[in-house]
Amino acid sequence: MKRRLKKGVYIFVFIIIFLIICTVMLIKCENKNNIDKNKEKVNQPVNNGEKEFPSEKKMSLIAVGDVLIHESVYKDALKSDGTYDFHKMFTEIEPILKNYDLKFCNQESIIGGTALGISGYPSFNSPDEIGDEIVNLGFNLISLANNHATDKGEDAILYSNSYWKTKNVITAGSYSNMEDRNKVRIYEKNGIKYAFFAYTTVLNGTLNKEYLVNRYSAEKVKEDIEKVKDDVDVIIVSMHWGEEYTNTPTESQRQIAEYLSSLGVNLIIGHHSHVVEPVTYVGDTLVIYSLGNFISNQLSVGLNQGIGLMVGMDIVVNDGKVTFENIYKELILSYAENSTNFKVIPFSKLNNDLLNNYENINKEYISIVNGG
């Protein structure tokens, strides 16, 4: 009996000691957690109850050049019922476009309505269906300021503006009245506020109403930019400029680029030469001097005119400073077989059957794009 009692005392004492040890360990752990939490609080910025936002914002953009619908191009898209289907021409390019928030192109051949007659060079008028396809591909930044905007006169310009207003896209460079032209437009993507303008230095015809197409002038550009520069993070300008069929920017292009950069423009997207020109910086401004053609039948004129360019990028805004990251440059071929079977093909998807010696051609033209 004594032995049982003694054994029970030992067990009780052991339990008491075990409970004391557990309690001490729990108290130490809780104190450590409180210390860690206090450390975290010290390292956190004080926001005084205000909502916190990341200082860095980012949006992606890809740009291609001229949508130039020659007669052979729209005839290749013609269906038996008299409508047009351009989709087959862009299937190779579509997956690339899907990776970007903003997608830019220059609608070189105006969409002026069937009443004026669908036509190609030298006085273009393209069917609505090419615009429909451009929208289906996701293009949402459309420049309407170029030398062919006046090909079919005021009626075509008014029709074009009405057509694009039915689409969920942003256009610039052509307007139906002065009030519309002078309206301040600020857009937003991923928390980044931006403005988009388009101008042309050349026109094939004359204008009796200056608002119909934005003809470039230093005064006009400065006035437009002054209206928005304090309210946006990024300013994008589309420029139809330069000399046709030359891969070297003209002195006028360089001067305009310097001027736009001095006004605070962040990105200049150029076209008109129908061939590729360098992509470079002027100050902090990224300048794409010419993207060449996106879709056309100018491969029949020469290889130089058949090669275009895609430029993609991330536009990063950090504490008010704009930088460009992940810049992607790839050549494209506006391919055709004897002015039929048109297709836009990235060079990464070419082979020697489609374009003989394409790898060396790629090196040659990428050298041009990179400034030699």
Protein backbone atom coordinates (compact mmCIF):
# COMPACT_ATOMS: atom_id res chain seq x y z
CA MET A 1 0.00 0.00 0.00
CA LYS A 2 2.85 2.37 0.84
CA ARG A 3 4.57 1.49 -2.41
CA ARG A 4 1.38 2.31 -4.41
CA LEU A 5 0.99 5.63 -2.61
CA LYS A 6 4.61 6.52 -3.23
CA LYS A 7 4.27 5.67 -6.93
CA GLY A 8 1.13 7.84 -7.21
CA VAL A 9 2.96 10.79 -5.65
CA TYR A 10 5.74 10.45 -8.23
CA ILE A 11 3.24 10.40 -11.07
CA PHE A 12 1.43 13.47 -9.74
CA VAL A 13 4.70 15.40 -9.29
CA PHE A 14 5.76 14.44 -12.84
CA ILE A 15 2.47 15.74 -14.27
CA ILE A 16 2.81 19.03 -12.36
CA ILE A 17 6.39 19.52 -13.62
CA PHE A 18 5.32 18.70 -17.21
CA LEU A 19 2.47 21.25 -17.06
CA ILE A 20 4.81 23.93 -15.69
CA ILE A 21 7.33 23.33 -18.51
CA CYS A 22 4.57 23.52 -21.18
CA THR A 23 3.22 26.76 -19.68
CA VAL A 24 6.67 28.39 -19.70
CA MET A 25 7.25 27.38 -23.35
CA LEU A 26 3.89 28.78 -24.42
CA ILE A 27 4.61 32.10 -22.70
CA LYS A 28 7.99 32.35 -24.48
CA CYS A 29 6.44 31.62 -27.88
CA GLU A 30 3.73 34.23 -27.38
CA ASN A 31 6.31 36.85 -26.36
CA LYS A 32 8.40 36.05 -29.45
CA ASN A 33 5.35 36.42 -31.71
CA ASN A 34 4.52 39.77 -30.18
CA ILE A 35 8.10 40.95 -30.71
CA ASP A 36 7.99 39.83 -34.37
CA LYS A 37 4.67 41.60 -34.91
CA ASN A 38 6.06 44.78 -33.42
CA LYS A 39 9.07 44.53 -35.73
CA GLU A 40 6.74 44.18 -38.73
CA LYS A 41 4.79 47.26 -37.66
CA VAL A 42 7.98 49.28 -37.36
CA ASN A 43 9.02 48.31 -40.90
CA GLN A 44 5.67 49.21 -42.45
CA PRO A 45 5.09 52.75 -43.81
CA VAL A 46 2.49 54.79 -42.00
CA ASN A 47 -0.42 55.59 -44.33
CA ASN A 48 -2.56 57.55 -41.86
CA GLY A 49 -5.59 55.55 -42.92
CA GLU A 50 -5.09 56.22 -46.64
CA LYS A 51 -5.36 53.40 -49.19
CA GLU A 52 -1.97 52.17 -50.41
CA PHE A 53 -1.16 51.92 -54.15
CA PRO A 54 1.90 50.41 -55.82
CA SER A 55 4.28 53.10 -57.10
CA GLU A 56 4.98 51.16 -60.33
CA LYS A 57 2.32 50.78 -63.01
CA LYS A 58 2.65 48.96 -66.29
CA MET A 59 0.79 48.54 -69.59
CA SER A 60 1.87 46.69 -72.72
CA LEU A 61 1.66 47.94 -76.31
CA ILE A 62 2.38 46.48 -79.73
CA ALA A 63 2.52 48.52 -82.94
CA VAL A 64 2.31 47.51 -86.60
CA GLY A 65 2.37 49.71 -89.69
CA ASP A 66 0.15 50.44 -92.67
CA VAL A 67 -3.11 48.67 -93.40
CA LEU A 68 -2.93 49.33 -97.14
CA ILE A 69 -5.65 47.48 -99.03
CA HIS A 70 -4.73 47.31 -102.68
CA GLU A 71 -7.26 46.01 -105.20
CA SER A 72 -5.59 42.59 -105.30
CA VAL A 73 -5.84 42.36 -101.50
CA TYR A 74 -9.58 43.01 -101.27
CA LYS A 75 -10.26 40.81 -104.30
CA ASP A 76 -8.46 37.98 -102.50
CA ALA A 77 -10.88 38.49 -99.59
CA LEU A 78 -14.01 38.68 -101.78
CA LYS A 79 -16.66 35.99 -101.16
CA SER A 80 -19.30 34.70 -103.54
CA ASP A 81 -22.02 36.71 -101.77
CA GLY A 82 -20.19 39.99 -102.42
CA THR A 83 -18.88 40.46 -98.87
CA TYR A 84 -15.24 40.27 -97.78
CA ASP A 85 -13.42 38.01 -95.33
CA PHE A 86 -9.86 39.07 -94.45
CA HIS A 87 -9.38 36.76 -91.46
CA LYS A 88 -7.22 34.14 -93.22
CA MET A 89 -4.61 36.82 -93.89
CA PHE A 90 -3.85 37.35 -90.18
CA THR A 91 -3.98 33.92 -88.52
CA GLU A 92 -0.18 33.74 -88.12
CA ILE A 93 -0.03 37.10 -86.38
CA GLU A 94 -3.09 36.79 -84.13
CA PRO A 95 -1.45 34.82 -81.26
CA ILE A 96 1.26 37.47 -80.87
CA LEU A 97 -1.22 40.34 -80.68
CA LYS A 98 -3.14 38.70 -77.84
CA ASN A 99 -0.24 39.29 -75.44
CA TYR A 100 -0.65 43.09 -75.40
CA ASP A 101 -3.04 45.58 -73.78
CA LEU A 102 -2.83 48.24 -76.50
CA LYS A 103 -2.51 47.40 -80.19
CA PHE A 104 -1.69 50.11 -82.74
CA CYS A 105 -2.03 50.25 -86.53
CA ASN A 106 -2.25 52.94 -89.20
CA GLN A 107 -5.41 52.66 -91.33
CA GLU A 108 -3.71 53.87 -94.49
CA SER A 109 -6.54 53.16 -96.94
CA ILE A 110 -9.67 54.94 -95.76
CA ILE A 111 -12.90 53.05 -95.07
CA GLY A 112 -15.16 55.43 -96.98
CA GLY A 113 -18.33 53.46 -97.69
CA THR A 114 -19.50 51.43 -100.72
CA ALA A 115 -21.47 54.37 -102.14
CA LEU A 116 -18.17 55.86 -103.31
CA GLY A 117 -16.98 52.60 -104.79
CA ILE A 118 -14.40 50.21 -103.32
CA SER A 119 -11.04 50.95 -104.92
CA GLY A 120 -7.28 50.50 -104.63
CA TYR A 121 -4.25 52.53 -105.71
CA PRO A 122 -3.95 55.43 -106.35
CA SER A 123 -7.24 56.55 -104.76
CA PHE A 124 -8.07 54.06 -102.03
CA ASN A 125 -11.44 53.19 -100.54
CA SER A 126 -11.53 50.01 -98.47
CA PRO A 127 -14.52 47.86 -97.47
CA ASP A 128 -15.90 47.96 -93.93
CA GLU A 129 -14.85 44.34 -93.46
CA ILE A 130 -11.15 45.20 -93.17
CA GLY A 131 -12.01 47.47 -90.25
CA ASP A 132 -14.14 44.70 -88.75
CA GLU A 133 -11.17 42.33 -88.97
CA ILE A 134 -8.78 44.87 -87.48
CA VAL A 135 -11.14 45.16 -84.50
CA ASN A 136 -11.51 41.37 -84.26
CA LEU A 137 -7.72 41.10 -84.03
CA GLY A 138 -7.85 43.38 -81.00
CA PHE A 139 -6.41 46.57 -82.46
CA ASN A 140 -7.63 49.43 -80.29
CA LEU A 141 -5.36 52.37 -81.18
CA ILE A 142 -6.07 53.41 -84.77
CA SER A 143 -4.32 56.27 -86.56
CA LEU A 144 -6.46 57.93 -89.25
CA ALA A 145 -4.02 60.72 -90.18
CA ASN A 146 -2.15 59.87 -93.38
CA ASN A 147 -1.74 61.09 -96.96
CA HIS A 148 -4.50 58.81 -98.30
CA ALA A 149 -7.12 60.11 -95.85
CA THR A 150 -8.28 62.62 -98.48
CA ASP A 151 -8.41 60.15 -101.40
CA LYS A 152 -12.21 60.15 -101.65
CA GLY A 153 -12.95 63.56 -100.22
CA GLU A 154 -14.99 64.79 -97.26
CA ASP A 155 -17.82 62.26 -97.64
CA ALA A 156 -15.40 59.37 -97.19
CA ILE A 157 -13.80 61.00 -94.15
CA LEU A 158 -17.19 61.54 -92.51
CA TYR A 159 -18.18 57.95 -93.27
CA SER A 160 -14.87 56.68 -91.84
CA ASN A 161 -15.31 58.64 -88.63
CA SER A 162 -18.89 57.38 -88.23
CA TYR A 163 -17.77 53.81 -88.88
CA TRP A 164 -15.02 53.86 -86.25
CA LYS A 165 -17.34 55.41 -83.67
CA THR A 166 -19.39 52.20 -83.78
CA LYS A 167 -16.34 50.22 -82.65
CA ASN A 168 -14.78 49.88 -79.22
CA VAL A 169 -11.50 51.47 -80.31
CA ILE A 170 -9.57 54.71 -79.86
CA THR A 171 -8.90 56.69 -83.02
CA ALA A 172 -6.91 59.86 -83.57
CA GLY A 173 -6.11 62.18 -86.44
CA SER A 174 -9.49 62.63 -88.14
CA TYR A 175 -12.63 64.41 -86.92
CA SER A 176 -16.05 65.41 -88.20
CA ASN A 177 -16.15 68.91 -86.71
CA MET A 178 -13.91 71.35 -84.86
CA GLU A 179 -15.55 70.69 -81.49
CA ASP A 180 -14.73 66.99 -81.83
CA ARG A 181 -11.18 67.78 -82.93
CA ASN A 182 -10.50 70.06 -79.94
CA LYS A 183 -12.03 67.75 -77.35
CA VAL A 184 -9.58 66.71 -74.62
CA ARG A 185 -9.31 62.93 -74.54
CA ILE A 186 -7.59 61.12 -71.68
CA TYR A 187 -7.61 57.33 -71.50
CA GLU A 188 -6.63 54.89 -68.77
CA LYS A 189 -5.18 51.38 -68.75
CA ASN A 190 -3.91 49.49 -65.70
CA GLY A 191 -4.00 52.70 -63.69
CA ILE A 192 -1.92 54.58 -66.27
CA LYS A 193 -3.48 57.69 -67.76
CA TYR A 194 -2.42 58.36 -71.35
CA ALA A 195 -3.15 60.56 -74.36
CA PHE A 196 -3.02 59.49 -78.02
CA PHE A 197 -2.54 61.88 -80.94
CA ALA A 198 -2.01 61.37 -84.69
CA TYR A 199 -0.66 63.76 -87.35
CA THR A 200 0.46 63.61 -90.97
CA THR A 201 3.03 65.82 -92.66
CA VAL A 202 1.70 64.95 -96.15
CA LEU A 203 -1.71 64.85 -97.86
CA ASN A 204 -2.59 63.75 -101.40
CA GLY A 205 -5.30 66.39 -101.66
CA THR A 206 -6.30 69.70 -100.15
CA LEU A 207 -8.55 70.30 -97.15
CA ASN A 208 -11.08 73.09 -96.86
CA LYS A 209 -11.79 72.04 -93.27
CA GLU A 210 -8.65 71.54 -91.20
CA TYR A 211 -10.35 69.35 -88.59
CA LEU A 212 -11.02 66.55 -91.11
CA VAL A 213 -7.39 65.35 -90.98
CA ASN A 214 -4.69 66.44 -88.53
CA ARG A 215 -2.01 68.13 -90.64
CA TYR A 216 1.17 68.44 -88.59
CA SER A 217 2.36 71.82 -87.39
CA ALA A 218 4.60 72.65 -84.46
CA GLU A 219 2.00 75.07 -83.09
CA LYS A 220 -0.89 72.61 -83.35
CA VAL A 221 1.03 69.80 -81.66
CA LYS A 222 2.21 72.02 -78.83
CA GLU A 223 -1.31 73.28 -78.21
CA ASP A 224 -2.71 69.73 -78.13
CA ILE A 225 -0.05 68.43 -75.75
CA GLU A 226 -0.27 71.43 -73.42
CA LYS A 227 -3.93 70.56 -72.80
CA VAL A 228 -3.17 67.11 -71.39
CA LYS A 229 0.44 66.92 -70.20
CA ASP A 230 -0.32 67.78 -66.56
CA ASP A 231 -3.12 65.19 -66.36
CA VAL A 232 -1.55 62.10 -67.97
CA ASP A 233 1.35 59.76 -67.29
CA VAL A 234 2.12 58.88 -70.90
CA ILE A 235 1.80 60.71 -74.23
CA ILE A 236 1.75 58.66 -77.46
CA VAL A 237 2.01 60.34 -80.86
CA SER A 238 1.48 58.69 -84.25
CA MET A 239 3.47 60.41 -87.03
CA HIS A 240 2.89 59.93 -90.78
CA TRP A 241 6.15 61.41 -92.05
CA GLY A 242 9.37 60.97 -93.97
CA GLU A 243 10.22 59.88 -97.50
CA GLU A 244 8.69 56.87 -99.21
CA TYR A 245 10.81 53.76 -99.80
CA THR A 246 13.86 54.92 -97.86
CA ASN A 247 15.12 53.06 -94.78
CA THR A 248 16.82 56.15 -93.36
CA PRO A 249 14.94 58.85 -91.42
CA THR A 250 15.02 62.27 -93.05
CA GLU A 251 16.38 65.36 -91.35
CA SER A 252 12.79 66.58 -91.00
CA GLN A 253 11.81 63.40 -89.14
CA ARG A 254 14.74 63.80 -86.77
CA GLN A 255 13.87 67.45 -86.09
CA ILE A 256 10.23 66.62 -85.41
CA ALA A 257 11.27 63.79 -83.08
CA GLU A 258 13.53 66.17 -81.14
CA TYR A 259 10.71 68.71 -80.90
CA LEU A 260 8.10 66.18 -79.74
CA SER A 261 10.53 64.85 -77.17
CA SER A 262 11.06 68.39 -75.84
CA LEU A 263 7.28 68.73 -75.42
CA GLY A 264 7.17 65.63 -73.22
CA VAL A 265 6.04 62.98 -75.71
CA ASN A 266 7.05 59.53 -74.47
CA LEU A 267 6.45 57.35 -77.53
CA ILE A 268 6.46 58.25 -81.24
CA ILE A 269 5.07 55.66 -83.68
CA GLY A 270 6.05 56.43 -87.27
CA HIS A 271 4.91 55.31 -90.72
CA HIS A 272 4.59 56.46 -94.36
CA SER A 273 7.80 55.25 -95.98
CA HIS A 274 6.28 51.74 -96.53
CA VAL A 275 9.63 50.29 -95.43
CA VAL A 276 11.23 49.80 -92.03
CA GLU A 277 13.37 52.44 -90.37
CA PRO A 278 15.30 52.50 -87.05
CA VAL A 279 13.85 52.19 -83.57
CA THR A 280 15.85 54.38 -81.20
CA TYR A 281 15.74 56.88 -78.35
CA VAL A 282 15.67 60.64 -78.68
CA GLY A 283 16.32 61.75 -75.13
CA ASP A 284 13.92 59.66 -73.05
CA THR A 285 11.47 59.33 -75.96
CA LEU A 286 11.23 55.99 -77.73
CA VAL A 287 11.00 56.68 -81.47
CA ILE A 288 9.87 54.14 -84.05
CA TYR A 289 10.72 55.99 -87.24
CA SER A 290 8.79 53.64 -89.55
CA LEU A 291 7.01 50.33 -89.14
CA GLY A 292 6.63 49.74 -92.89
CA ASN A 293 3.57 47.94 -94.21
CA PHE A 294 1.38 45.59 -92.19
CA ILE A 295 -0.72 44.28 -95.07
CA SER A 296 -0.37 45.36 -98.72
CA ASN A 297 0.53 44.15 -102.20
CA GLN A 298 3.79 46.07 -102.28
CA LEU A 299 5.84 42.88 -102.20
CA SER A 300 5.09 42.87 -105.94
CA VAL A 301 7.06 46.14 -106.15
CA GLY A 302 10.06 44.85 -104.20
CA LEU A 303 11.16 42.95 -101.12
CA ASN A 304 11.94 46.16 -99.24
CA GLN A 305 8.26 47.19 -99.41
CA GLY A 306 7.09 43.70 -98.48
CA ILE A 307 8.88 43.71 -95.13
CA GLY A 308 7.25 45.38 -92.16
CA LEU A 309 7.89 45.51 -88.44
CA MET A 310 6.16 44.74 -85.17
CA VAL A 311 7.39 46.52 -82.03
CA GLY A 312 6.10 45.47 -78.62
CA MET A 313 6.94 46.85 -75.20
CA ASP A 314 5.97 47.31 -71.58
CA ILE A 315 5.39 50.97 -70.74
CA VAL A 316 6.33 51.42 -67.08
CA VAL A 317 5.39 54.42 -64.96
CA ASN A 318 7.21 54.68 -61.65
CA ASP A 319 6.85 57.83 -59.53
CA GLY A 320 6.09 59.88 -62.62
CA LYS A 321 9.02 58.57 -64.70
CA VAL A 322 8.22 56.65 -67.91
CA THR A 323 10.49 53.85 -69.09
CA PHE A 324 10.20 51.04 -71.63
CA GLU A 325 10.93 47.40 -70.83
CA ASN A 326 10.86 44.09 -72.68
CA ILE A 327 11.12 45.77 -76.08
CA TYR A 328 10.26 43.21 -78.74
CA LYS A 329 11.08 43.75 -82.41
CA GLU A 330 10.17 41.27 -85.12
CA LEU A 331 10.02 41.62 -88.87
CA ILE A 332 6.91 40.54 -90.74
CA LEU A 333 6.38 39.65 -94.39
CA SER A 334 3.25 40.79 -96.22
CA TYR A 335 3.33 37.58 -98.22
CA ALA A 336 1.55 36.87 -101.51
CA GLU A 337 1.72 34.37 -104.36
CA ASN A 338 1.43 36.29 -107.62
CA SER A 339 -0.81 38.87 -105.90
CA THR A 340 -3.06 36.20 -104.35
CA ASN A 341 -3.20 34.19 -101.11
CA PHE A 342 -2.17 37.17 -98.97
CA LYS A 343 -0.87 36.45 -95.49
CA VAL A 344 1.02 38.38 -92.82
CA ILE A 345 3.80 36.12 -91.56
CA PRO A 346 6.29 36.84 -88.73
CA PHE A 347 9.89 36.04 -89.69
CA SER A 348 10.01 33.51 -86.85
CA LYS A 349 7.47 31.45 -88.83
CA LEU A 350 9.13 31.78 -92.25
CA ASN A 351 11.10 29.18 -94.17
CA ASN A 352 13.10 29.19 -97.39
CA ASP A 353 10.10 28.03 -99.41
CA LEU A 354 8.17 31.15 -98.38
CA LEU A 355 11.15 33.51 -98.63
CA ASN A 356 14.47 32.24 -99.92
CA ASN A 357 17.46 33.19 -97.74
CA TYR A 358 15.08 34.61 -95.13
CA GLU A 359 17.55 34.22 -92.23
CA ASN A 360 20.15 36.49 -93.83
CA ILE A 361 17.39 38.90 -94.90
CA ASN A 362 16.25 39.01 -91.30
CA LYS A 363 19.77 39.92 -90.12
CA GLU A 364 20.05 42.65 -92.76
CA TYR A 365 16.75 44.33 -91.88
CA ILE A 366 17.06 43.94 -88.12
CA SER A 367 20.35 45.77 -88.50
CA ILE A 368 18.41 48.63 -90.13
CA VAL A 369 15.86 48.57 -87.30
CA ASN A 370 18.65 48.67 -84.72
CA GLY A 371 20.20 51.70 -86.41
CA GLY A 372 22.89 49.92 -88.41
